[in-house]
Protein backbone atom coordinates (compact mmCIF):
# COMPACT_ATOMS: atom_id res chain seq x y z
CA MET A 1 0.17 -0.13 0.03
CA HIS A 2 1.38 3.44 -1.22
CA ILE A 3 0.52 6.01 1.88
CA LEU A 4 1.03 9.92 0.96
CA ILE A 5 0.75 12.13 4.16
CA ALA A 6 0.32 16.45 4.13
CA GLU A 7 1.57 17.17 7.70
CA ASP A 8 4.18 19.63 9.24
CA ASN A 9 3.86 18.86 12.57
CA GLN A 10 6.73 16.64 13.46
CA ASP A 11 5.61 15.36 15.83
CA HIS A 12 1.94 14.13 14.98
CA LEU A 13 4.41 13.00 11.35
CA GLU A 14 6.45 10.39 13.28
CA LEU A 15 3.36 9.12 15.35
CA ILE A 16 1.20 8.93 12.29
CA VAL A 17 4.08 6.79 10.70
CA ASP A 18 5.26 4.76 13.20
CA ILE A 19 0.91 3.54 13.84
CA LEU A 20 1.26 2.63 9.50
CA LYS A 21 4.12 0.55 10.18
CA SER A 22 3.38 -1.27 12.30
CA SER A 23 0.31 -2.20 10.78
CA PHE A 24 1.26 -3.00 7.82
CA GLY A 25 4.74 -3.66 8.16
CA ASN A 26 6.50 -3.79 4.42
CA ASP A 27 4.02 -3.69 3.07
CA CYS A 28 3.37 -0.50 3.42
CA LYS A 29 5.80 2.15 1.13
CA ILE A 30 5.26 6.08 2.82
CA GLN A 31 6.34 9.43 1.91
CA SER A 32 4.99 12.57 3.13
CA TYR A 33 5.55 16.59 2.42
CA THR A 34 5.19 19.23 5.01
CA SER A 35 3.24 21.58 2.21
CA LEU A 36 0.11 20.77 0.29
CA ASN A 37 1.40 22.02 -3.18
CA ASP A 38 4.34 19.19 -3.37
CA ALA A 39 1.97 16.55 -2.06
CA ILE A 40 -0.72 17.61 -4.74
CA HIS A 41 1.65 17.12 -7.28
CA HIS A 42 2.70 13.96 -5.93
CA ILE A 43 -0.56 12.51 -6.49
CA ASN A 44 -0.13 14.48 -10.07
CA HIS A 45 2.45 11.90 -11.48
CA GLN A 46 2.10 8.90 -9.04
CA HIS A 47 0.17 5.94 -7.79
CA VAL A 48 -1.50 6.41 -4.59
CA ASP A 49 -4.06 4.24 -2.23
CA VAL A 50 -4.95 6.98 1.03
CA PHE A 51 -4.17 10.17 1.26
CA LEU A 52 -3.78 11.03 4.53
CA CYS A 53 -3.68 15.33 4.70
CA ASP A 54 -4.14 17.65 7.38
CA LEU A 55 -6.22 20.64 7.13
CA LYS A 56 -3.62 24.14 8.12
CA LEU A 57 0.00 23.55 6.03
CA PRO A 58 2.48 26.87 5.98
CA ASP A 59 1.37 27.22 2.78
CA SER A 60 -2.79 26.85 2.87
CA PRO A 61 -4.84 27.59 5.57
CA ILE A 62 -7.53 25.47 6.30
CA GLU A 63 -10.45 26.70 3.54
CA ASN A 64 -7.92 26.59 0.74
CA THR A 65 -7.44 23.27 1.80
CA VAL A 66 -10.55 22.09 1.99
CA GLU A 67 -11.01 23.69 -1.83
CA ILE A 68 -8.25 21.87 -2.63
CA ILE A 69 -8.98 18.37 -1.15
CA LYS A 70 -12.55 17.98 -2.37
CA ASN A 71 -11.87 19.01 -6.10
CA LEU A 72 -9.34 16.73 -7.15
CA GLU A 73 -9.62 15.52 -9.93
CA ASP A 74 -9.15 10.91 -9.90
CA ALA A 75 -8.07 11.45 -6.07
CA PRO A 76 -6.78 8.62 -4.51
CA PRO A 77 -8.80 7.78 -1.54
CA ILE A 78 -8.67 11.12 1.44
CA ILE A 79 -8.65 10.84 5.22
CA VAL A 80 -8.62 14.50 7.02
CA LEU A 81 -6.23 14.28 9.96
CA THR A 82 -6.80 17.19 11.67
CA SER A 83 -6.31 18.87 15.27
CA LEU A 84 -9.66 20.61 15.16
CA HIS A 85 -12.70 19.46 16.36
CA ASP A 86 -15.84 20.47 13.81
CA ASP A 87 -18.97 18.19 13.49
CA GLU A 88 -19.90 20.69 10.42
CA LEU A 89 -16.96 20.72 9.01
CA ALA A 90 -16.80 17.19 8.91
CA ASN A 91 -19.93 16.51 8.09
CA ARG A 92 -19.21 18.99 4.42
CA LEU A 93 -16.34 17.24 4.09
CA VAL A 94 -17.70 13.95 3.54
CA LYS A 95 -20.66 14.68 1.85
CA GLU A 96 -18.12 15.92 -0.76
CA GLY A 97 -15.81 12.93 -0.62
CA ILE A 98 -13.60 13.12 1.50
CA GLN A 99 -13.19 9.08 3.43
CA ASP A 100 -13.17 10.52 6.96
CA PHE A 101 -12.15 13.05 9.54
CA LEU A 102 -9.76 12.22 12.41
CA PRO A 103 -9.12 14.38 15.25
CA LYS A 104 -5.35 13.66 15.72
CA ASP A 105 -5.74 12.73 19.91
CA GLU A 106 -7.83 10.20 19.35
CA LEU A 107 -6.59 8.96 17.25
CA THR A 108 -5.26 4.87 18.06
CA PRO A 109 -3.77 2.94 15.39
CA SER A 110 -7.03 0.52 15.24
CA GLN A 111 -9.08 3.39 14.00
CA LEU A 112 -6.47 4.96 11.69
CA VAL A 113 -5.60 1.25 9.64
CA ARG A 114 -9.50 0.46 9.89
CA ALA A 115 -9.99 4.03 7.95
CA CYS A 116 -7.20 3.40 5.47
CA HIS A 117 -8.19 -0.03 5.04
CA TYR A 118 -12.32 1.00 4.13
CA ALA A 119 -11.44 4.51 2.24
CA VAL A 120 -9.90 2.10 -0.13
CA GLU A 121 -12.73 -0.47 -0.14
CA ARG A 122 -15.86 2.33 -0.40
CA LYS A 123 -13.00 4.14 -3.38
CA LYS A 124 -13.17 0.84 -5.32
CA LEU A 125 -16.79 0.33 -5.04
CA THR A 126 -17.34 3.96 -5.46
CA GLN A 127 -15.93 4.43 -8.88
CA SER A 128 -17.07 1.16 -10.41
CA LEU A 129 -20.32 2.37 -9.73
CA LEU A 130 -19.85 5.25 -11.46
CA GLU A 131 -18.59 3.16 -14.04
CA LYS A 132 -21.38 1.53 -13.87
CA ASN A 133 -23.82 4.63 -13.71
CA GLU A 134 -22.07 6.06 -16.79
CA ASP A 135 -22.43 2.20 -18.92
CA TYR A 136 -25.39 2.61 -18.35
CA LYS A 137 -26.52 5.78 -19.04
CA ALA A 138 -24.49 6.24 -22.73
CA PHE A 139 -26.48 2.79 -23.09
CA CYS A 140 -29.45 4.29 -22.56
CA TYR A 141 -28.99 7.45 -25.04
CA SER A 142 -27.88 5.25 -27.49
CA LEU A 143 -31.05 3.47 -27.31
CA THR A 144 -32.86 6.43 -27.58
CA HIS A 145 -31.40 8.13 -30.28
CA ASP A 146 -31.93 5.00 -32.26
CA PHE A 147 -35.28 4.77 -30.99
CA ARG A 148 -35.63 7.97 -32.26
CA SER A 149 -34.27 7.41 -35.61
CA SER A 150 -36.35 4.41 -35.66
CA LEU A 151 -38.93 6.30 -34.95
CA TRP A 152 -39.68 9.33 -37.12
CA GLN A 153 -38.60 7.11 -40.19
CA VAL A 154 -42.16 4.47 -39.43
CA SER A 155 -43.62 8.06 -39.05
CA GLY A 156 -42.52 9.67 -42.38
CA PHE A 157 -43.43 5.99 -44.31
CA ALA A 158 -46.68 6.40 -43.20
CA GLN A 159 -47.37 9.65 -43.58
CA ILE A 160 -45.96 9.42 -47.74
CA PHE A 161 -48.21 6.54 -47.67
CA LYS A 162 -50.78 8.03 -46.98
CA ARG A 163 -50.52 10.63 -49.46
CA GLU A 164 -48.96 8.54 -52.03
CA THR A 165 -52.97 6.61 -51.27
CA GLN A 166 -54.97 10.14 -51.60
CA LYS A 167 -53.45 10.83 -54.57
CA LYS A 168 -53.43 7.26 -56.57
CA TYR A 169 -56.81 6.96 -55.70
CA PRO A 170 -58.59 10.45 -54.53
CA GLN A 171 -62.43 9.60 -54.83
CA GLU A 172 -61.49 6.24 -52.86
CA THR A 173 -63.49 7.77 -49.02
CA SER A 174 -63.46 4.36 -47.76
CA LEU A 175 -60.23 3.65 -46.85
CA PRO A 176 -59.20 3.48 -43.36
CA PHE A 177 -57.17 5.76 -43.22
CA GLU A 178 -57.67 6.41 -38.90
CA TYR A 179 -55.43 3.49 -39.03
CA LEU A 180 -52.22 5.65 -40.50
CA ASP A 181 -53.19 8.67 -38.49
CA LYS A 182 -53.62 6.35 -35.45
CA ILE A 183 -49.58 5.02 -36.26
CA SER A 184 -48.58 8.62 -35.71
CA THR A 185 -50.82 9.26 -32.76
CA LYS A 186 -48.53 6.89 -30.76
CA ILE A 187 -45.11 7.25 -32.60
CA GLU A 188 -46.16 10.04 -30.66
CA GLY A 189 -46.14 9.53 -27.41
CA ILE A 190 -43.29 7.09 -28.13
CA GLN A 191 -41.13 9.87 -29.09
CA ARG A 192 -42.70 12.48 -26.00
CA LEU A 193 -40.96 9.13 -23.41
CA ILE A 194 -38.44 9.17 -25.23
CA GLU A 195 -37.41 12.55 -23.91
CA ASP A 196 -38.72 12.58 -20.87
CA LEU A 197 -36.45 9.55 -20.14
CA GLN A 198 -33.54 11.26 -21.73
CA ASP A 199 -34.41 14.53 -19.41
CA PHE A 200 -34.54 11.53 -16.60
CA LEU A 201 -30.97 10.18 -16.85
CA SER A 202 -29.66 13.75 -17.01
CA ILE A 203 -31.01 15.64 -13.95
CA ASP A 204 -27.28 14.90 -11.31
CA SER A 205 -25.07 15.28 -15.04
CA LEU A 206 -25.18 19.28 -14.08
CA SER A 207 -24.95 18.89 -10.30
CA ASP A 208 -21.60 19.93 -9.83
CA THR A 209 -22.04 23.63 -11.80
CA TYR A 210 -24.16 25.22 -10.40
CA SER A 211 -24.77 28.98 -9.63
CA ALA A 212 -27.51 31.39 -7.68
CA VAL A 213 -31.05 31.35 -10.77
CA PRO A 214 -34.01 33.46 -9.84
CA VAL A 215 -36.72 30.77 -9.29
CA THR A 216 -38.66 34.01 -11.34
CA LEU A 217 -38.01 33.11 -14.94
CA ALA A 218 -37.00 29.69 -14.22
CA ALA A 219 -41.16 29.02 -13.29
CA ARG A 220 -41.87 31.63 -16.31
CA ASN A 221 -40.25 30.37 -19.43
CA ALA A 222 -41.90 27.36 -18.49
CA ALA A 223 -45.26 28.71 -18.37
CA ASP A 224 -44.31 30.35 -22.03
CA MET A 225 -43.69 27.65 -23.15
CA LEU A 226 -47.04 25.82 -21.80
CA GLY A 227 -48.88 29.24 -23.33
CA GLU A 228 -50.52 27.64 -26.40
CA THR A 229 -51.98 24.93 -24.30
CA VAL A 230 -53.51 27.19 -21.13
CA ALA A 231 -55.47 29.00 -23.87
CA ARG A 232 -57.09 26.46 -25.67
CA LYS A 233 -57.89 25.41 -21.67
CA ASN A 234 -58.88 29.76 -20.71
CA GLY A 235 -56.45 28.91 -18.20
CA ILE A 236 -54.38 30.88 -15.91
CA ILE A 237 -50.79 31.31 -14.58
CA GLU A 238 -49.78 33.14 -12.38
CA VAL A 239 -46.46 33.22 -11.70
CA GLU A 240 -45.34 35.68 -8.49
CA SER A 241 -41.38 36.98 -7.69
CA LEU A 242 -39.28 34.07 -6.07
CA PRO A 243 -36.15 34.66 -4.97
CA GLU A 244 -32.69 32.89 -6.23
CA ILE A 245 -30.89 29.55 -5.27
CA LYS A 246 -28.44 27.26 -6.31
CA GLY A 247 -29.59 24.85 -8.99
CA ASN A 248 -29.49 25.01 -12.80
CA LEU A 249 -31.01 27.20 -15.00
CA SER A 250 -32.20 23.93 -17.75
CA GLN A 251 -33.49 21.74 -15.13
CA LEU A 252 -35.62 24.41 -12.62
CA GLN A 253 -37.52 24.91 -15.98
CA LEU A 254 -37.76 21.03 -16.31
CA LEU A 255 -39.28 20.94 -12.92
CA PHE A 256 -42.10 23.81 -13.34
CA SER A 257 -42.74 22.46 -17.13
CA ASN A 258 -43.98 19.13 -15.83
CA LEU A 259 -45.37 20.17 -12.44
CA LEU A 260 -47.38 22.85 -14.16
CA SER A 261 -48.72 20.83 -17.26
CA ASN A 262 -50.37 18.16 -15.65
CA ALA A 263 -51.54 21.02 -13.63
CA ILE A 264 -53.19 22.70 -16.28
CA LYS A 265 -54.07 18.62 -17.72
CA TYR A 266 -55.35 16.94 -15.31
CA ASN A 267 -58.11 20.19 -14.82
CA GLN A 268 -61.24 20.45 -15.57
CA SER A 269 -62.55 23.38 -14.68
CA GLU A 270 -63.74 25.88 -17.11
CA ARG A 271 -61.17 28.25 -16.05
CA PRO A 272 -57.84 26.07 -14.76
CA TYR A 273 -56.09 27.99 -12.58
CA ILE A 274 -52.57 27.23 -11.98
CA LYS A 275 -50.61 29.99 -8.92
CA VAL A 276 -46.83 29.72 -8.13
CA SER A 277 -45.50 31.44 -5.22
CA ALA A 278 -43.15 31.48 -2.24
CA GLU A 279 -42.25 31.48 1.75
CA THR A 280 -38.89 32.50 2.44
CA ASN A 281 -38.22 31.74 6.39
CA ASP A 282 -34.77 30.68 8.58
CA ASP A 283 -34.22 27.24 7.54
CA ASN A 284 -34.46 27.35 3.57
CA ILE A 285 -36.49 28.81 0.95
CA THR A 286 -40.51 27.52 -0.34
CA ILE A 287 -41.92 26.96 -3.34
CA VAL A 288 -45.59 26.51 -3.87
CA VAL A 289 -47.15 25.96 -7.06
CA GLU A 290 -51.08 25.66 -6.70
CA ASP A 291 -54.37 24.20 -8.73
CA ASN A 292 -57.97 23.49 -8.66
CA GLY A 293 -57.36 20.60 -10.98
CA ILE A 294 -59.10 17.47 -10.28
CA GLY A 295 -56.84 16.62 -7.14
CA ILE A 296 -54.89 13.37 -5.75
CA PRO A 297 -56.89 11.01 -4.08
CA ALA A 298 -55.36 10.76 -0.60
CA ASP A 299 -54.45 6.91 -1.30
CA LYS A 300 -52.34 8.16 -4.09
CA LEU A 301 -49.89 10.45 -3.11
CA GLY A 302 -47.36 7.78 -1.63
CA SER A 303 -46.95 6.35 -4.99
CA ILE A 304 -47.25 9.44 -7.97
CA PHE A 305 -43.40 10.22 -7.91
CA THR A 306 -42.42 5.96 -8.63
CA PRO A 307 -41.35 6.49 -12.29
CA PHE A 308 -44.62 4.83 -15.50
CA GLU A 309 -47.05 5.70 -11.84
CA ARG A 310 -50.10 5.83 -13.87
CA LEU A 311 -53.05 7.13 -11.70
CA HIS A 312 -55.19 7.37 -15.05
CA SER A 313 -55.82 5.99 -18.11
CA LYS A 314 -53.09 7.10 -21.04
CA ASP A 315 -55.98 7.72 -23.31
CA LEU A 316 -57.50 9.82 -20.27
CA TYR A 317 -55.04 11.78 -20.31
CA PRO A 318 -52.02 11.00 -22.55
CA GLY A 319 -47.93 11.17 -21.18
CA SER A 320 -45.06 9.30 -19.98
CA GLY A 321 -45.91 8.55 -16.52
CA LEU A 322 -42.11 10.08 -16.08
CA GLY A 323 -43.64 13.51 -15.13
CA LEU A 324 -43.32 13.73 -11.11
CA ALA A 325 -40.67 11.47 -11.35
CA ILE A 326 -38.47 14.07 -12.82
CA VAL A 327 -39.49 16.50 -10.76
CA LYS A 328 -38.57 14.44 -7.94
CA ARG A 329 -35.19 14.27 -8.87
CA VAL A 330 -34.32 17.65 -9.89
CA VAL A 331 -35.62 18.72 -6.52
CA LYS A 332 -33.63 15.81 -4.99
CA SER A 333 -30.35 17.02 -7.21
CA HIS A 334 -30.79 20.12 -5.73
CA ARG A 335 -30.93 19.17 -2.19
CA GLY A 336 -34.51 19.94 -2.04
CA ARG A 337 -37.81 18.38 -0.24
CA ILE A 338 -40.96 18.16 -1.92
CA GLN A 339 -44.49 17.42 0.09
CA VAL A 340 -47.33 17.43 -1.85
CA LYS A 341 -51.23 17.80 -0.56
CA SER A 342 -54.43 17.87 -2.33
CA LYS A 343 -58.12 17.10 -1.89
CA VAL A 344 -59.97 15.28 -4.80
CA GLY A 345 -62.29 18.02 -7.12
CA GLU A 346 -60.39 20.69 -5.89
CA GLY A 347 -57.10 21.22 -5.68
CA THR A 348 -53.38 20.41 -5.42
CA ARG A 349 -51.04 22.03 -4.25
CA VAL A 350 -47.41 20.97 -4.40
CA ILE A 351 -44.36 22.21 -2.23
CA LEU A 352 -41.46 22.69 -2.87
CA GLN A 353 -38.00 22.95 0.02
CA PHE A 354 -35.39 24.22 -0.85
CA PRO A 355 -31.66 24.93 0.75
CA LYS A 356 -30.73 28.70 1.29
CA PRO A 357 -28.07 29.98 -1.17
């Protein structure tokens, strides 16, 4: 095992090295540096199994060290050894990919050795899962691309057949052209499903580039895209001024597009009404999307976010069954929470809670 140590306190370094040598013996290669830059240079040029890093080093204060180690590409498993007792910082580092956070004054030989072994195995497992996930995404994207291309051709051939037949037999009115129209309608539904699947798969891919986003813009863009549908049903979408959150504009627009289209689709009112408003408290930002639609039965609320789960037949309400699954995944990607309150015949309230930026 090749272990790299970034530690400027000689006493601490000697203690750590003694523990490692006594536990791993001759199978352990140890390299140490007193500066973060030298340790990073080593990582960039040599394979390292475990990186033990102090947070406060001569060339790097704590926050700088945190930013550097959490953003390392192809980093080895990282275990932070520090004199700090900061549970909040420890939780943040672990959430951002650091394998462990060990206070030096509580360090024991068994604890350090166990942490090294666990870090290596967790890193292997995480890498394996990431690779499988990337393969899975690549396969799905390839499959949906091929499906879309083939469906487009089938739809095109059906329309060509209809057009050419009408030219050849202009007086014939008994030909069952409605079946060709049904083929086109079914293909449009499958294409919508493919698009929803691609949206569902791509949600997590931009989470590392989140920045401050005006939620008002996302909601109003989604409302504008549904303008024709809303006008056809004589509906109203009211979007109040909404705060900013840390996120991705495209994903939030996708979220509102699904929520608003559902609110219009599942609405039998003479004048469908959807309102998007905001509440802010000390802990989070709350966005509420409410409508006067048909509502959701209480016994169905627990299953509405399941992919492909449908409460109504496709003939009555067409769709892929992925809309709310996409919404939940976007909310989760933004470290938020979602809650739905509804009464049959009265409408639905979708409550979205996001952390303050």
